[in-house]
Amino acid sequence: MFPMEAAASATRVWTATIWAPAPEDLGRTMVQLGMAWSFVRYSQDYVGVETQAKAENLGVHGWQCEPAWEWRAHQRK
């Protein structure tokens, strides 16, 4: 994976910096780690790594988080 640094300010807002080698697909890595969803409306590229992240309850999948596009759809109703 990538080296990563995280820091919190006095207001407790977290920021992270990730250093990635140039050819690495950061979107794929984020989905693989459960830090993002695969947005299949536009691409099927990350479906496999998302399935694995779900099976391992990584990140958003371990907390039953609602994807942003579903949340927005509920707000419109």
PDB file of N, CA and C in Angstrom:
ATOM      1  N   MET A   1       0.834  -1.183   0.000  1.00  0.00           N
ATOM      2  CA  MET A   1       0.000   0.000   0.000  1.00  0.00           C
ATOM      3  C   MET A   1       0.877   1.245   0.000  1.00  0.00           C
ATOM      4  N   PHE A   2       0.253   2.364   0.312  1.00  0.00           N
ATOM      5  CA  PHE A   2       0.947   3.646   0.243  1.00  0.00           C
ATOM      6  C   PHE A   2       1.327   4.129   1.635  1.00  0.00           C
ATOM      7  N   PRO A   3       2.458   4.840   1.757  1.00  0.00           N
ATOM      8  CA  PRO A   3       2.730   5.531   3.013  1.00  0.00           C
ATOM      9  C   PRO A   3       1.667   6.612   3.216  1.00  0.00           C
ATOM     10  N   MET A   4       1.272   6.821   4.453  1.00  0.00           N
ATOM     11  CA  MET A   4       0.199   7.786   4.705  1.00  0.00           C
ATOM     12  C   MET A   4       0.463   8.522   5.999  1.00  0.00           C
ATOM     13  N   GLU A   5       0.131   9.794   6.034  1.00  0.00           N
ATOM     14  CA  GLU A   5       0.206  10.589   7.253  1.00  0.00           C
ATOM     15  C   GLU A   5      -1.167  11.163   7.529  1.00  0.00           C
ATOM     16  N   ALA A   6      -1.544  11.203   8.790  1.00  0.00           N
ATOM     17  CA  ALA A   6      -2.817  11.826   9.156  1.00  0.00           C
ATOM     18  C   ALA A   6      -2.573  12.729  10.345  1.00  0.00           C
ATOM     19  N   ALA A   7      -3.316  13.823  10.411  1.00  0.00           N
ATOM     20  CA  ALA A   7      -3.158  14.762  11.507  1.00  0.00           C
ATOM     21  C   ALA A   7      -4.489  15.408  11.835  1.00  0.00           C
ATOM     22  N   ALA A   8      -4.677  15.741  13.099  1.00  0.00           N
ATOM     23  CA  ALA A   8      -5.905  16.426  13.517  1.00  0.00           C
ATOM     24  C   ALA A   8      -5.526  17.791  14.065  1.00  0.00           C
ATOM     25  N   SER A   9      -6.292  18.784  13.715  1.00  0.00           N
ATOM     26  CA  SER A   9      -6.061  20.124  14.249  1.00  0.00           C
ATOM     27  C   SER A   9      -6.836  20.279  15.552  1.00  0.00           C
ATOM     28  N   ALA A  10      -6.772  21.453  16.132  1.00  0.00           N
ATOM     29  CA  ALA A  10      -7.485  21.715  17.386  1.00  0.00           C
ATOM     30  C   ALA A  10      -8.994  21.595  17.202  1.00  0.00           C
ATOM     31  N   THR A  11      -9.482  21.769  15.987  1.00  0.00           N
ATOM     32  CA  THR A  11     -10.921  21.649  15.733  1.00  0.00           C
ATOM     33  C   THR A  11     -11.319  20.208  15.425  1.00  0.00           C
ATOM     34  N   ARG A  12     -10.379  19.300  15.503  1.00  0.00           N
ATOM     35  CA  ARG A  12     -10.596  17.857  15.312  1.00  0.00           C
ATOM     36  C   ARG A  12     -11.025  17.503  13.889  1.00  0.00           C
ATOM     37  N   VAL A  13     -10.584  18.264  12.928  1.00  0.00           N
ATOM     38  CA  VAL A  13     -10.820  17.933  11.530  1.00  0.00           C
ATOM     39  C   VAL A  13      -9.611  17.133  11.049  1.00  0.00           C
ATOM     40  N   TRP A  14      -9.851  15.967  10.536  1.00  0.00           N
ATOM     41  CA  TRP A  14      -8.762  15.093  10.102  1.00  0.00           C
ATOM     42  C   TRP A  14      -8.424  15.342   8.644  1.00  0.00           C
ATOM     43  N   THR A  15      -7.144  15.361   8.374  1.00  0.00           N
ATOM     44  CA  THR A  15      -6.674  15.433   6.997  1.00  0.00           C
ATOM     45  C   THR A  15      -5.681  14.301   6.796  1.00  0.00           C
ATOM     46  N   ALA A  16      -5.566  13.839   5.582  1.00  0.00           N
ATOM     47  CA  ALA A  16      -4.619  12.766   5.279  1.00  0.00           C
ATOM     48  C   ALA A  16      -3.882  13.108   3.992  1.00  0.00           C
ATOM     49  N   THR A  17      -2.634  12.686   3.939  1.00  0.00           N
ATOM     50  CA  THR A  17      -1.836  12.837   2.741  1.00  0.00           C
ATOM     51  C   THR A  17      -1.357  11.458   2.337  1.00  0.00           C
ATOM     52  N   ILE A  18      -1.579  11.095   1.083  1.00  0.00           N
ATOM     53  CA  ILE A  18      -1.145   9.793   0.592  1.00  0.00           C
ATOM     54  C   ILE A  18      -0.166  10.022  -0.548  1.00  0.00           C
ATOM     55  N   TRP A  19       0.983   9.368  -0.453  1.00  0.00           N
ATOM     56  CA  TRP A  19       1.956   9.430  -1.533  1.00  0.00           C
ATOM     57  C   TRP A  19       1.812   8.151  -2.329  1.00  0.00           C
ATOM     58  N   ALA A  20       1.531   8.291  -3.614  1.00  0.00           N
ATOM     59  CA  ALA A  20       1.325   7.129  -4.466  1.00  0.00           C
ATOM     60  C   ALA A  20       2.264   7.181  -5.667  1.00  0.00           C
ATOM     61  N   PRO A  21       2.770   6.021  -6.054  1.00  0.00           N
ATOM     62  CA  PRO A  21       3.564   5.990  -7.283  1.00  0.00           C
ATOM     63  C   PRO A  21       2.691   6.412  -8.468  1.00  0.00           C
ATOM     64  N   ALA A  22       3.256   7.060  -9.435  1.00  0.00           N
ATOM     65  CA  ALA A  22       2.500   7.630 -10.556  1.00  0.00           C
ATOM     66  C   ALA A  22       1.528   6.666 -11.235  1.00  0.00           C
ATOM     67  N   PRO A  23       1.894   5.435 -11.554  1.00  0.00           N
ATOM     68  CA  PRO A  23       0.949   4.597 -12.295  1.00  0.00           C
ATOM     69  C   PRO A  23      -0.151   3.957 -11.437  1.00  0.00           C
ATOM     70  N   GLU A  24      -0.119   4.133 -10.139  1.00  0.00           N
ATOM     71  CA  GLU A  24      -1.108   3.524  -9.258  1.00  0.00           C
ATOM     72  C   GLU A  24      -2.482   4.157  -9.444  1.00  0.00           C
ATOM     73  N   ASP A  25      -3.533   3.351  -9.405  1.00  0.00           N
ATOM     74  CA  ASP A  25      -4.912   3.827  -9.543  1.00  0.00           C
ATOM     75  C   ASP A  25      -5.442   4.119  -8.142  1.00  0.00           C
ATOM     76  N   LEU A  26      -5.435   5.383  -7.742  1.00  0.00           N
ATOM     77  CA  LEU A  26      -5.840   5.760  -6.394  1.00  0.00           C
ATOM     78  C   LEU A  26      -7.315   5.445  -6.142  1.00  0.00           C
ATOM     79  N   GLY A  27      -8.177   5.621  -7.145  1.00  0.00           N
ATOM     80  CA  GLY A  27      -9.596   5.287  -7.002  1.00  0.00           C
ATOM     81  C   GLY A  27      -9.782   3.824  -6.662  1.00  0.00           C
ATOM     82  N   ARG A  28      -9.062   2.955  -7.358  1.00  0.00           N
ATOM     83  CA  ARG A  28      -9.140   1.513  -7.107  1.00  0.00           C
ATOM     84  C   ARG A  28      -8.686   1.195  -5.678  1.00  0.00           C
ATOM     85  N   THR A  29      -7.597   1.818  -5.267  1.00  0.00           N
ATOM     86  CA  THR A  29      -7.073   1.573  -3.921  1.00  0.00           C
ATOM     87  C   THR A  29      -8.073   2.020  -2.861  1.00  0.00           C
ATOM     88  N   MET A  30      -8.712   3.166  -3.074  1.00  0.00           N
ATOM     89  CA  MET A  30      -9.696   3.645  -2.103  1.00  0.00           C
ATOM     90  C   MET A  30     -10.885   2.694  -2.007  1.00  0.00           C
ATOM     91  N   VAL A  31     -11.375   2.185  -3.137  1.00  0.00           N
ATOM     92  CA  VAL A  31     -12.481   1.222  -3.124  1.00  0.00           C
ATOM     93  C   VAL A  31     -12.027  -0.069  -2.455  1.00  0.00           C
ATOM     94  N   GLN A  32     -10.833  -0.514  -2.755  1.00  0.00           N
ATOM     95  CA  GLN A  32     -10.277  -1.750  -2.192  1.00  0.00           C
ATOM     96  C   GLN A  32     -10.170  -1.682  -0.668  1.00  0.00           C
ATOM     97  N   LEU A  33      -9.878  -0.504  -0.131  1.00  0.00           N
ATOM     98  CA  LEU A  33      -9.732  -0.326   1.312  1.00  0.00           C
ATOM     99  C   LEU A  33     -11.047   0.033   2.003  1.00  0.00           C
ATOM    100  N   GLY A  34     -12.127   0.172   1.227  1.00  0.00           N
ATOM    101  CA  GLY A  34     -13.416   0.531   1.803  1.00  0.00           C
ATOM    102  C   GLY A  34     -13.545   2.012   2.088  1.00  0.00           C
ATOM    103  N   MET A  35     -12.701   2.823   1.469  1.00  0.00           N
ATOM    104  CA  MET A  35     -12.734   4.268   1.669  1.00  0.00           C
ATOM    105  C   MET A  35     -13.641   4.958   0.658  1.00  0.00           C
ATOM    106  N   ALA A  36     -14.152   4.203  -0.317  1.00  0.00           N
ATOM    107  CA  ALA A  36     -15.026   4.747  -1.360  1.00  0.00           C
ATOM    108  C   ALA A  36     -15.855   3.612  -1.941  1.00  0.00           C
ATOM    109  N   TRP A  37     -16.937   3.977  -2.618  1.00  0.00           N
ATOM    110  CA  TRP A  37     -17.774   2.998  -3.293  1.00  0.00           C
ATOM    111  C   TRP A  37     -17.432   2.964  -4.774  1.00  0.00           C
ATOM    112  N   SER A  38     -17.722   1.842  -5.387  1.00  0.00           N
ATOM    113  CA  SER A  38     -17.634   1.732  -6.834  1.00  0.00           C
ATOM    114  C   SER A  38     -18.919   2.308  -7.402  1.00  0.00           C
ATOM    115  N   PHE A  39     -18.817   3.335  -8.215  1.00  0.00           N
ATOM    116  CA  PHE A  39     -20.001   3.997  -8.766  1.00  0.00           C
ATOM    117  C   PHE A  39     -20.314   3.332 -10.107  1.00  0.00           C
ATOM    118  N   VAL A  40     -21.049   2.224 -10.051  1.00  0.00           N
ATOM    119  CA  VAL A  40     -21.275   1.375 -11.223  1.00  0.00           C
ATOM    120  C   VAL A  40     -22.128   2.037 -12.305  1.00  0.00           C
ATOM    121  N   ARG A  41     -22.755   3.129 -11.986  1.00  0.00           N
ATOM    122  CA  ARG A  41     -23.516   3.860 -13.016  1.00  0.00           C
ATOM    123  C   ARG A  41     -22.599   4.297 -14.157  1.00  0.00           C
ATOM    124  N   TYR A  42     -21.346   4.584 -13.822  1.00  0.00           N
ATOM    125  CA  TYR A  42     -20.405   5.068 -14.818  1.00  0.00           C
ATOM    126  C   TYR A  42     -19.319   4.064 -15.201  1.00  0.00           C
ATOM    127  N   SER A  43     -19.032   3.091 -14.320  1.00  0.00           N
ATOM    128  CA  SER A  43     -17.944   2.162 -14.602  1.00  0.00           C
ATOM    129  C   SER A  43     -18.085   0.886 -13.770  1.00  0.00           C
ATOM    130  N   GLN A  44     -17.694  -0.214 -14.346  1.00  0.00           N
ATOM    131  CA  GLN A  44     -17.680  -1.508 -13.656  1.00  0.00           C
ATOM    132  C   GLN A  44     -16.262  -1.878 -13.200  1.00  0.00           C
ATOM    133  N   ASP A  45     -15.314  -0.967 -13.370  1.00  0.00           N
ATOM    134  CA  ASP A  45     -13.903  -1.258 -13.127  1.00  0.00           C
ATOM    135  C   ASP A  45     -13.578  -1.747 -11.724  1.00  0.00           C
ATOM    136  N   TYR A  46     -14.282  -1.240 -10.713  1.00  0.00           N
ATOM    137  CA  TYR A  46     -13.894  -1.541  -9.334  1.00  0.00           C
ATOM    138  C   TYR A  46     -14.843  -2.510  -8.633  1.00  0.00           C
ATOM    139  N   VAL A  47     -15.750  -3.131  -9.357  1.00  0.00           N
ATOM    140  CA  VAL A  47     -16.748  -4.008  -8.747  1.00  0.00           C
ATOM    141  C   VAL A  47     -16.090  -5.164  -7.986  1.00  0.00           C
ATOM    142  N   GLY A  48     -15.082  -5.772  -8.562  1.00  0.00           N
ATOM    143  CA  GLY A  48     -14.404  -6.907  -7.925  1.00  0.00           C
ATOM    144  C   GLY A  48     -13.735  -6.541  -6.612  1.00  0.00           C
ATOM    145  N   VAL A  49     -13.019  -5.413  -6.594  1.00  0.00           N
ATOM    146  CA  VAL A  49     -12.339  -5.021  -5.356  1.00  0.00           C
ATOM    147  C   VAL A  49     -13.345  -4.541  -4.312  1.00  0.00           C
ATOM    148  N   GLU A  50     -14.474  -3.957  -4.757  1.00  0.00           N
ATOM    149  CA  GLU A  50     -15.505  -3.555  -3.809  1.00  0.00           C
ATOM    150  C   GLU A  50     -16.164  -4.783  -3.180  1.00  0.00           C
ATOM    151  N   THR A  51     -16.401  -5.814  -3.969  1.00  0.00           N
ATOM    152  CA  THR A  51     -16.983  -7.052  -3.451  1.00  0.00           C
ATOM    153  C   THR A  51     -16.095  -7.631  -2.351  1.00  0.00           C
ATOM    154  N   GLN A  52     -14.790  -7.603  -2.566  1.00  0.00           N
ATOM    155  CA  GLN A  52     -13.846  -8.103  -1.557  1.00  0.00           C
ATOM    156  C   GLN A  52     -13.865  -7.220  -0.312  1.00  0.00           C
ATOM    157  N   ALA A  53     -13.906  -5.912  -0.488  1.00  0.00           N
ATOM    158  CA  ALA A  53     -13.955  -4.988   0.655  1.00  0.00           C
ATOM    159  C   ALA A  53     -15.230  -5.212   1.468  1.00  0.00           C
ATOM    160  N   LYS A  54     -16.353  -5.440   0.790  1.00  0.00           N
ATOM    161  CA  LYS A  54     -17.614  -5.728   1.491  1.00  0.00           C
ATOM    162  C   LYS A  54     -17.508  -7.025   2.280  1.00  0.00           C
ATOM    163  N   ALA A  55     -16.919  -8.057   1.669  1.00  0.00           N
ATOM    164  CA  ALA A  55     -16.773  -9.352   2.339  1.00  0.00           C
ATOM    165  C   ALA A  55     -15.923  -9.237   3.596  1.00  0.00           C
ATOM    166  N   GLU A  56     -14.973  -8.318   3.591  1.00  0.00           N
ATOM    167  CA  GLU A  56     -14.084  -8.121   4.739  1.00  0.00           C
ATOM    168  C   GLU A  56     -14.565  -7.015   5.677  1.00  0.00           C
ATOM    169  N   ASN A  57     -15.737  -6.431   5.389  1.00  0.00           N
ATOM    170  CA  ASN A  57     -16.298  -5.343   6.208  1.00  0.00           C
ATOM    171  C   ASN A  57     -15.316  -4.195   6.394  1.00  0.00           C
ATOM    172  N   LEU A  58     -14.650  -3.826   5.334  1.00  0.00           N
ATOM    173  CA  LEU A  58     -13.675  -2.738   5.409  1.00  0.00           C
ATOM    174  C   LEU A  58     -14.357  -1.383   5.267  1.00  0.00           C
ATOM    175  N   GLY A  59     -13.862  -0.414   6.001  1.00  0.00           N
ATOM    176  CA  GLY A  59     -14.293   0.981   5.855  1.00  0.00           C
ATOM    177  C   GLY A  59     -15.791   1.180   5.893  1.00  0.00           C
ATOM    178  N   VAL A  60     -16.330   1.826   4.860  1.00  0.00           N
ATOM    179  CA  VAL A  60     -17.752   2.160   4.819  1.00  0.00           C
ATOM    180  C   VAL A  60     -18.633   0.923   4.867  1.00  0.00           C
ATOM    181  N   HIS A  61     -18.126  -0.214   4.437  1.00  0.00           N
ATOM    182  CA  HIS A  61     -18.914  -1.447   4.425  1.00  0.00           C
ATOM    183  C   HIS A  61     -19.050  -2.052   5.824  1.00  0.00           C
ATOM    184  N   GLY A  62     -18.143  -1.725   6.702  1.00  0.00           N
ATOM    185  CA  GLY A  62     -18.209  -2.213   8.078  1.00  0.00           C
ATOM    186  C   GLY A  62     -19.166  -1.407   8.943  1.00  0.00           C
ATOM    187  N   TRP A  63     -19.596  -0.261   8.435  1.00  0.00           N
ATOM    188  CA  TRP A  63     -20.472   0.621   9.203  1.00  0.00           C
ATOM    189  C   TRP A  63     -21.842   0.810   8.569  1.00  0.00           C
ATOM    190  N   GLN A  64     -22.139   0.073   7.516  1.00  0.00           N
ATOM    191  CA  GLN A  64     -23.408   0.209   6.783  1.00  0.00           C
ATOM    192  C   GLN A  64     -23.687   1.662   6.392  1.00  0.00           C
ATOM    193  N   CYS A  65     -22.672   2.339   5.943  1.00  0.00           N
ATOM    194  CA  CYS A  65     -22.835   3.716   5.477  1.00  0.00           C
ATOM    195  C   CYS A  65     -23.665   3.727   4.195  1.00  0.00           C
ATOM    196  N   GLU A  66     -24.413   4.778   4.021  1.00  0.00           N
ATOM    197  CA  GLU A  66     -25.240   4.936   2.833  1.00  0.00           C
ATOM    198  C   GLU A  66     -24.465   5.720   1.772  1.00  0.00           C
ATOM    199  N   PRO A  67     -24.344   5.175   0.576  1.00  0.00           N
ATOM    200  CA  PRO A  67     -23.641   5.925  -0.480  1.00  0.00           C
ATOM    201  C   PRO A  67     -24.312   7.274  -0.729  1.00  0.00           C
ATOM    202  N   ALA A  68     -23.529   8.246  -1.106  1.00  0.00           N
ATOM    203  CA  ALA A  68     -24.025   9.623  -1.289  1.00  0.00           C
ATOM    204  C   ALA A  68     -25.179   9.691  -2.271  1.00  0.00           C
ATOM    205  N   TRP A  69     -25.112   8.955  -3.372  1.00  0.00           N
ATOM    206  CA  TRP A  69     -26.185   9.022  -4.378  1.00  0.00           C
ATOM    207  C   TRP A  69     -27.498   8.467  -3.830  1.00  0.00           C
ATOM    208  N   GLU A  70     -27.451   7.490  -2.919  1.00  0.00           N
ATOM    209  CA  GLU A  70     -28.680   6.985  -2.294  1.00  0.00           C
ATOM    210  C   GLU A  70     -29.215   7.992  -1.282  1.00  0.00           C
ATOM    211  N   TRP A  71     -28.320   8.612  -0.507  1.00  0.00           N
ATOM    212  CA  TRP A  71     -28.725   9.612   0.467  1.00  0.00           C
ATOM    213  C   TRP A  71     -29.433  10.775  -0.226  1.00  0.00           C
ATOM    214  N   ARG A  72     -28.843  11.251  -1.327  1.00  0.00           N
ATOM    215  CA  ARG A  72     -29.442  12.367  -2.070  1.00  0.00           C
ATOM    216  C   ARG A  72     -30.815  11.977  -2.624  1.00  0.00           C
ATOM    217  N   ALA A  73     -30.960  10.761  -3.093  1.00  0.00           N
ATOM    218  CA  ALA A  73     -32.254  10.302  -3.621  1.00  0.00           C
ATOM    219  C   ALA A  73     -33.305  10.301  -2.516  1.00  0.00           C
ATOM    220  N   HIS A  74     -32.945   9.903  -1.290  1.00  0.00           N
ATOM    221  CA  HIS A  74     -33.883   9.924  -0.167  1.00  0.00           C
ATOM    222  C   HIS A  74     -34.266  11.352   0.217  1.00  0.00           C
ATOM    223  N   GLN A  75     -33.344  12.289   0.084  1.00  0.00           N
ATOM    224  CA  GLN A  75     -33.612  13.676   0.432  1.00  0.00           C
ATOM    225  C   GLN A  75     -34.585  14.333  -0.548  1.00  0.00           C
ATOM    226  N   ARG A  76     -34.607  13.862  -1.778  1.00  0.00           N
ATOM    227  CA  ARG A  76     -35.484  14.420  -2.813  1.00  0.00           C
ATOM    228  C   ARG A  76     -36.924  14.007  -2.628  1.00  0.00           C
ATOM    229  N   LYS A  77     -37.162  12.919  -1.919  1.00  0.00           N
ATOM    230  CA  LYS A  77     -38.537  12.398  -1.741  1.00  0.00           C
ATOM    231  C   LYS A  77     -39.318  13.194  -0.757  1.00  0.00           C
TER     232      LYS A  77
END
